[in-house]
Amino acid sequence: MPLVTIKGIEGVFTSEQKAEAIRKVTDAMVSLEGENLREVTWVIFEEVKSGDWGIGGKPLTAETIKKIQSGS
């Protein structure tokens, strides 16, 4: 039974985007494991509070990620 954990910053992804990520990661795992393991493939989308995630010694916020997404 595979377990995949996706971590993202709270407030960046919509419920629809999280559901799509879960579907696509499940599909990717099933393509490796076989269709019979779909029902026991777990995907968890964990959200980290904005500002509690850091890269390069600097806290990362949802606002920063949204600016990056928009190309600003």
PDB file of N, CA and C in Angstrom:
ATOM      1  N   MET A   1       0.854  -1.176   0.000  1.00  0.00           N
ATOM      2  CA  MET A   1       0.000   0.000   0.000  1.00  0.00           C
ATOM      3  C   MET A   1       0.897   1.235   0.000  1.00  0.00           C
ATOM      4  N   PRO A   2       1.020   1.925  -1.130  1.00  0.00           N
ATOM      5  CA  PRO A   2       1.835   3.136  -1.179  1.00  0.00           C
ATOM      6  C   PRO A   2       1.137   4.312  -0.505  1.00  0.00           C
ATOM      7  N   LEU A   3       1.955   5.151   0.085  1.00  0.00           N
ATOM      8  CA  LEU A   3       1.470   6.384   0.704  1.00  0.00           C
ATOM      9  C   LEU A   3       2.334   7.516   0.173  1.00  0.00           C
ATOM     10  N   VAL A   4       1.705   8.482  -0.485  1.00  0.00           N
ATOM     11  CA  VAL A   4       2.394   9.641  -1.037  1.00  0.00           C
ATOM     12  C   VAL A   4       1.917  10.870  -0.288  1.00  0.00           C
ATOM     13  N   THR A   5       2.857  11.690   0.174  1.00  0.00           N
ATOM     14  CA  THR A   5       2.508  12.919   0.870  1.00  0.00           C
ATOM     15  C   THR A   5       2.934  14.105   0.021  1.00  0.00           C
ATOM     16  N   ILE A   6       1.998  15.010  -0.212  1.00  0.00           N
ATOM     17  CA  ILE A   6       2.265  16.265  -0.913  1.00  0.00           C
ATOM     18  C   ILE A   6       2.174  17.368   0.128  1.00  0.00           C
ATOM     19  N   LYS A   7       3.175  18.216   0.192  1.00  0.00           N
ATOM     20  CA  LYS A   7       3.132  19.343   1.121  1.00  0.00           C
ATOM     21  C   LYS A   7       3.053  20.631   0.320  1.00  0.00           C
ATOM     22  N   GLY A   8       2.182  21.522   0.763  1.00  0.00           N
ATOM     23  CA  GLY A   8       2.020  22.822   0.111  1.00  0.00           C
ATOM     24  C   GLY A   8       1.712  23.871   1.159  1.00  0.00           C
ATOM     25  N   ILE A   9       1.888  25.104   0.768  1.00  0.00           N
ATOM     26  CA  ILE A   9       1.617  26.208   1.682  1.00  0.00           C
ATOM     27  C   ILE A   9       0.121  26.500   1.676  1.00  0.00           C
ATOM     28  N   GLU A  10      -0.442  26.621   2.871  1.00  0.00           N
ATOM     29  CA  GLU A  10      -1.864  26.897   3.039  1.00  0.00           C
ATOM     30  C   GLU A  10      -2.250  28.170   2.291  1.00  0.00           C
ATOM     31  N   GLY A  11      -3.363  28.091   1.565  1.00  0.00           N
ATOM     32  CA  GLY A  11      -3.886  29.256   0.874  1.00  0.00           C
ATOM     33  C   GLY A  11      -3.377  29.427  -0.546  1.00  0.00           C
ATOM     34  N   VAL A  12      -2.529  28.509  -1.014  1.00  0.00           N
ATOM     35  CA  VAL A  12      -1.997  28.618  -2.376  1.00  0.00           C
ATOM     36  C   VAL A  12      -2.868  27.844  -3.360  1.00  0.00           C
ATOM     37  N   PHE A  13      -3.252  26.630  -2.995  1.00  0.00           N
ATOM     38  CA  PHE A  13      -4.005  25.769  -3.899  1.00  0.00           C
ATOM     39  C   PHE A  13      -5.477  25.731  -3.514  1.00  0.00           C
ATOM     40  N   THR A  14      -6.342  25.748  -4.512  1.00  0.00           N
ATOM     41  CA  THR A  14      -7.771  25.621  -4.278  1.00  0.00           C
ATOM     42  C   THR A  14      -8.101  24.150  -3.980  1.00  0.00           C
ATOM     43  N   SER A  15      -9.290  23.927  -3.483  1.00  0.00           N
ATOM     44  CA  SER A  15      -9.742  22.547  -3.250  1.00  0.00           C
ATOM     45  C   SER A  15      -9.721  21.747  -4.539  1.00  0.00           C
ATOM     46  N   GLU A  16     -10.101  22.384  -5.632  1.00  0.00           N
ATOM     47  CA  GLU A  16     -10.107  21.709  -6.932  1.00  0.00           C
ATOM     48  C   GLU A  16      -8.694  21.337  -7.365  1.00  0.00           C
ATOM     49  N   GLN A  17      -7.725  22.229  -7.146  1.00  0.00           N
ATOM     50  CA  GLN A  17      -6.344  21.939  -7.519  1.00  0.00           C
ATOM     51  C   GLN A  17      -5.776  20.809  -6.663  1.00  0.00           C
ATOM     52  N   LYS A  18      -6.111  20.796  -5.386  1.00  0.00           N
ATOM     53  CA  LYS A  18      -5.637  19.714  -4.520  1.00  0.00           C
ATOM     54  C   LYS A  18      -6.241  18.383  -4.958  1.00  0.00           C
ATOM     55  N   ALA A  19      -7.520  18.374  -5.282  1.00  0.00           N
ATOM     56  CA  ALA A  19      -8.178  17.147  -5.743  1.00  0.00           C
ATOM     57  C   ALA A  19      -7.545  16.655  -7.048  1.00  0.00           C
ATOM     58  N   GLU A  20      -7.228  17.580  -7.940  1.00  0.00           N
ATOM     59  CA  GLU A  20      -6.585  17.207  -9.202  1.00  0.00           C
ATOM     60  C   GLU A  20      -5.197  16.620  -8.953  1.00  0.00           C
ATOM     61  N   ALA A  21      -4.430  17.221  -8.048  1.00  0.00           N
ATOM     62  CA  ALA A  21      -3.107  16.701  -7.712  1.00  0.00           C
ATOM     63  C   ALA A  21      -3.218  15.288  -7.149  1.00  0.00           C
ATOM     64  N   ILE A  22      -4.189  15.073  -6.273  1.00  0.00           N
ATOM     65  CA  ILE A  22      -4.383  13.741  -5.691  1.00  0.00           C
ATOM     66  C   ILE A  22      -4.726  12.721  -6.771  1.00  0.00           C
ATOM     67  N   ARG A  23      -5.616  13.097  -7.693  1.00  0.00           N
ATOM     68  CA  ARG A  23      -5.981  12.193  -8.801  1.00  0.00           C
ATOM     69  C   ARG A  23      -4.777  11.866  -9.666  1.00  0.00           C
ATOM     70  N   LYS A  24      -4.016  12.892 -10.029  1.00  0.00           N
ATOM     71  CA  LYS A  24      -2.891  12.695 -10.943  1.00  0.00           C
ATOM     72  C   LYS A  24      -1.755  11.903 -10.300  1.00  0.00           C
ATOM     73  N   VAL A  25      -1.489  12.142  -9.029  1.00  0.00           N
ATOM     74  CA  VAL A  25      -0.458  11.369  -8.338  1.00  0.00           C
ATOM     75  C   VAL A  25      -0.903   9.917  -8.209  1.00  0.00           C
ATOM     76  N   THR A  26      -2.175   9.696  -7.904  1.00  0.00           N
ATOM     77  CA  THR A  26      -2.703   8.332  -7.850  1.00  0.00           C
ATOM     78  C   THR A  26      -2.536   7.649  -9.195  1.00  0.00           C
ATOM     79  N   ASP A  27      -2.905   8.349 -10.271  1.00  0.00           N
ATOM     80  CA  ASP A  27      -2.759   7.776 -11.616  1.00  0.00           C
ATOM     81  C   ASP A  27      -1.303   7.434 -11.921  1.00  0.00           C
ATOM     82  N   ALA A  28      -0.383   8.306 -11.507  1.00  0.00           N
ATOM     83  CA  ALA A  28       1.043   8.049 -11.744  1.00  0.00           C
ATOM     84  C   ALA A  28       1.499   6.792 -10.996  1.00  0.00           C
ATOM     85  N   MET A  29       1.083   6.653  -9.749  1.00  0.00           N
ATOM     86  CA  MET A  29       1.462   5.474  -8.979  1.00  0.00           C
ATOM     87  C   MET A  29       0.859   4.205  -9.580  1.00  0.00           C
ATOM     88  N   VAL A  30      -0.393   4.287 -10.001  1.00  0.00           N
ATOM     89  CA  VAL A  30      -1.060   3.130 -10.596  1.00  0.00           C
ATOM     90  C   VAL A  30      -0.368   2.725 -11.896  1.00  0.00           C
ATOM     91  N   SER A  31       0.157   3.698 -12.635  1.00  0.00           N
ATOM     92  CA  SER A  31       0.865   3.370 -13.877  1.00  0.00           C
ATOM     93  C   SER A  31       2.127   2.553 -13.597  1.00  0.00           C
ATOM     94  N   LEU A  32       2.669   2.686 -12.388  1.00  0.00           N
ATOM     95  CA  LEU A  32       3.848   1.902 -11.991  1.00  0.00           C
ATOM     96  C   LEU A  32       3.469   0.585 -11.324  1.00  0.00           C
ATOM     97  N   GLU A  33       2.434   0.604 -10.499  1.00  0.00           N
ATOM     98  CA  GLU A  33       2.073  -0.539  -9.648  1.00  0.00           C
ATOM     99  C   GLU A  33       1.056  -1.480 -10.271  1.00  0.00           C
ATOM    100  N   GLY A  34       0.221  -0.925 -11.130  1.00  0.00           N
ATOM    101  CA  GLY A  34      -0.873  -1.705 -11.696  1.00  0.00           C
ATOM    102  C   GLY A  34      -2.213  -1.256 -11.123  1.00  0.00           C
ATOM    103  N   GLU A  35      -3.241  -1.396 -11.923  1.00  0.00           N
ATOM    104  CA  GLU A  35      -4.578  -0.919 -11.584  1.00  0.00           C
ATOM    105  C   GLU A  35      -5.127  -1.543 -10.301  1.00  0.00           C
ATOM    106  N   ASN A  36      -4.747  -2.766 -10.000  1.00  0.00           N
ATOM    107  CA  ASN A  36      -5.281  -3.438  -8.808  1.00  0.00           C
ATOM    108  C   ASN A  36      -4.904  -2.731  -7.517  1.00  0.00           C
ATOM    109  N   LEU A  37      -3.888  -1.880  -7.535  1.00  0.00           N
ATOM    110  CA  LEU A  37      -3.479  -1.185  -6.315  1.00  0.00           C
ATOM    111  C   LEU A  37      -4.090   0.215  -6.177  1.00  0.00           C
ATOM    112  N   ARG A  38      -4.926   0.628  -7.143  1.00  0.00           N
ATOM    113  CA  ARG A  38      -5.548   1.957  -7.065  1.00  0.00           C
ATOM    114  C   ARG A  38      -6.290   2.151  -5.737  1.00  0.00           C
ATOM    115  N   GLU A  39      -7.072   1.179  -5.354  1.00  0.00           N
ATOM    116  CA  GLU A  39      -7.918   1.318  -4.162  1.00  0.00           C
ATOM    117  C   GLU A  39      -7.134   1.370  -2.853  1.00  0.00           C
ATOM    118  N   VAL A  40      -5.860   1.018  -2.894  1.00  0.00           N
ATOM    119  CA  VAL A  40      -5.055   1.073  -1.672  1.00  0.00           C
ATOM    120  C   VAL A  40      -3.892   2.063  -1.798  1.00  0.00           C
ATOM    121  N   THR A  41      -3.966   2.938  -2.790  1.00  0.00           N
ATOM    122  CA  THR A  41      -2.959   3.986  -2.958  1.00  0.00           C
ATOM    123  C   THR A  41      -3.452   5.229  -2.234  1.00  0.00           C
ATOM    124  N   TRP A  42      -2.701   5.635  -1.230  1.00  0.00           N
ATOM    125  CA  TRP A  42      -3.075   6.786  -0.408  1.00  0.00           C
ATOM    126  C   TRP A  42      -2.274   7.998  -0.851  1.00  0.00           C
ATOM    127  N   VAL A  43      -2.956   9.136  -0.968  1.00  0.00           N
ATOM    128  CA  VAL A  43      -2.293  10.411  -1.239  1.00  0.00           C
ATOM    129  C   VAL A  43      -2.810  11.407  -0.206  1.00  0.00           C
ATOM    130  N   ILE A  44      -1.887  12.032   0.506  1.00  0.00           N
ATOM    131  CA  ILE A  44      -2.252  13.017   1.522  1.00  0.00           C
ATOM    132  C   ILE A  44      -1.703  14.371   1.095  1.00  0.00           C
ATOM    133  N   PHE A  45      -2.553  15.370   1.068  1.00  0.00           N
ATOM    134  CA  PHE A  45      -2.134  16.745   0.769  1.00  0.00           C
ATOM    135  C   PHE A  45      -2.094  17.488   2.095  1.00  0.00           C
ATOM    136  N   GLU A  46      -0.895  17.738   2.575  1.00  0.00           N
ATOM    137  CA  GLU A  46      -0.725  18.445   3.849  1.00  0.00           C
ATOM    138  C   GLU A  46      -0.412  19.911   3.577  1.00  0.00           C
ATOM    139  N   GLU A  47      -1.085  20.778   4.306  1.00  0.00           N
ATOM    140  CA  GLU A  47      -0.823  22.206   4.150  1.00  0.00           C
ATOM    141  C   GLU A  47      -0.052  22.737   5.352  1.00  0.00           C
ATOM    142  N   VAL A  48       0.971  23.500   5.037  1.00  0.00           N
ATOM    143  CA  VAL A  48       1.807  24.137   6.046  1.00  0.00           C
ATOM    144  C   VAL A  48       1.375  25.594   6.142  1.00  0.00           C
ATOM    145  N   LYS A  49       1.264  26.092   7.343  1.00  0.00           N
ATOM    146  CA  LYS A  49       0.837  27.476   7.549  1.00  0.00           C
ATOM    147  C   LYS A  49       1.757  28.442   6.788  1.00  0.00           C
ATOM    148  N   SER A  50       1.162  29.418   6.133  1.00  0.00           N
ATOM    149  CA  SER A  50       1.918  30.429   5.394  1.00  0.00           C
ATOM    150  C   SER A  50       2.942  31.074   6.315  1.00  0.00           C
ATOM    151  N   GLY A  51       4.195  31.123   5.869  1.00  0.00           N
ATOM    152  CA  GLY A  51       5.270  31.697   6.660  1.00  0.00           C
ATOM    153  C   GLY A  51       6.029  30.679   7.487  1.00  0.00           C
ATOM    154  N   ASP A  52       5.474  29.447   7.613  1.00  0.00           N
ATOM    155  CA  ASP A  52       6.136  28.390   8.380  1.00  0.00           C
ATOM    156  C   ASP A  52       7.004  27.495   7.496  1.00  0.00           C
ATOM    157  N   TRP A  53       7.135  27.843   6.240  1.00  0.00           N
ATOM    158  CA  TRP A  53       7.928  27.088   5.281  1.00  0.00           C
ATOM    159  C   TRP A  53       9.050  28.025   4.861  1.00  0.00           C
ATOM    160  N   GLY A  54      10.263  27.553   4.853  1.00  0.00           N
ATOM    161  CA  GLY A  54      11.371  28.412   4.478  1.00  0.00           C
ATOM    162  C   GLY A  54      12.241  27.803   3.407  1.00  0.00           C
ATOM    163  N   ILE A  55      12.760  28.657   2.547  1.00  0.00           N
ATOM    164  CA  ILE A  55      13.703  28.251   1.511  1.00  0.00           C
ATOM    165  C   ILE A  55      14.840  29.266   1.515  1.00  0.00           C
ATOM    166  N   GLY A  56      16.046  28.767   1.528  1.00  0.00           N
ATOM    167  CA  GLY A  56      17.208  29.647   1.508  1.00  0.00           C
ATOM    168  C   GLY A  56      17.305  30.545   2.729  1.00  0.00           C
ATOM    169  N   GLY A  57      16.779  30.069   3.850  1.00  0.00           N
ATOM    170  CA  GLY A  57      16.842  30.832   5.090  1.00  0.00           C
ATOM    171  C   GLY A  57      15.780  31.905   5.223  1.00  0.00           C
ATOM    172  N   LYS A  58      14.828  31.936   4.279  1.00  0.00           N
ATOM    173  CA  LYS A  58      13.770  32.949   4.314  1.00  0.00           C
ATOM    174  C   LYS A  58      12.401  32.275   4.361  1.00  0.00           C
ATOM    175  N   PRO A  59      11.489  32.813   5.202  1.00  0.00           N
ATOM    176  CA  PRO A  59      10.138  32.257   5.228  1.00  0.00           C
ATOM    177  C   PRO A  59       9.426  32.499   3.897  1.00  0.00           C
ATOM    178  N   LEU A  60       8.637  31.530   3.498  1.00  0.00           N
ATOM    179  CA  LEU A  60       7.876  31.616   2.256  1.00  0.00           C
ATOM    180  C   LEU A  60       6.406  31.727   2.616  1.00  0.00           C
ATOM    181  N   THR A  61       5.714  32.650   1.983  1.00  0.00           N
ATOM    182  CA  THR A  61       4.295  32.855   2.284  1.00  0.00           C
ATOM    183  C   THR A  61       3.444  32.535   1.058  1.00  0.00           C
ATOM    184  N   ALA A  62       2.143  32.406   1.293  1.00  0.00           N
ATOM    185  CA  ALA A  62       1.205  32.180   0.194  1.00  0.00           C
ATOM    186  C   ALA A  62       1.252  33.344  -0.785  1.00  0.00           C
ATOM    187  N   GLU A  63       1.379  34.558  -0.283  1.00  0.00           N
ATOM    188  CA  GLU A  63       1.450  35.738  -1.157  1.00  0.00           C
ATOM    189  C   GLU A  63       2.646  35.652  -2.090  1.00  0.00           C
ATOM    190  N   THR A  64       3.796  35.240  -1.559  1.00  0.00           N
ATOM    191  CA  THR A  64       4.991  35.104  -2.381  1.00  0.00           C
ATOM    192  C   THR A  64       4.786  34.071  -3.488  1.00  0.00           C
ATOM    193  N   ILE A  65       4.200  32.934  -3.135  1.00  0.00           N
ATOM    194  CA  ILE A  65       3.958  31.883  -4.125  1.00  0.00           C
ATOM    195  C   ILE A  65       2.984  32.366  -5.198  1.00  0.00           C
ATOM    196  N   LYS A  66       1.940  33.090  -4.795  1.00  0.00           N
ATOM    197  CA  LYS A  66       0.966  33.587  -5.766  1.00  0.00           C
ATOM    198  C   LYS A  66       1.613  34.584  -6.729  1.00  0.00           C
ATOM    199  N   LYS A  67       2.548  35.386  -6.240  1.00  0.00           N
ATOM    200  CA  LYS A  67       3.280  36.314  -7.118  1.00  0.00           C
ATOM    201  C   LYS A  67       4.118  35.544  -8.134  1.00  0.00           C
ATOM    202  N   ILE A  68       4.765  34.491  -7.665  1.00  0.00           N
ATOM    203  CA  ILE A  68       5.563  33.655  -8.554  1.00  0.00           C
ATOM    204  C   ILE A  68       4.655  33.001  -9.610  1.00  0.00           C
ATOM    205  N   GLN A  69       3.501  32.490  -9.179  1.00  0.00           N
ATOM    206  CA  GLN A  69       2.560  31.854 -10.111  1.00  0.00           C
ATOM    207  C   GLN A  69       2.101  32.818 -11.193  1.00  0.00           C
ATOM    208  N   SER A  70       1.877  34.071 -10.813  1.00  0.00           N
ATOM    209  CA  SER A  70       1.358  35.046 -11.772  1.00  0.00           C
ATOM    210  C   SER A  70       2.469  35.648 -12.643  1.00  0.00           C
ATOM    211  N   GLY A  71       3.719  35.365 -12.300  1.00  0.00           N
ATOM    212  CA  GLY A  71       4.836  35.904 -13.081  1.00  0.00           C
ATOM    213  C   GLY A  71       5.232  37.308 -12.679  1.00  0.00           C
ATOM    214  N   SER A  72       4.744  37.782 -11.539  1.00  0.00           N
ATOM    215  CA  SER A  72       5.066  39.146 -11.075  1.00  0.00           C
ATOM    216  C   SER A  72       6.423  39.201 -10.425  1.00  0.00           C
TER     217      SER A  72
END
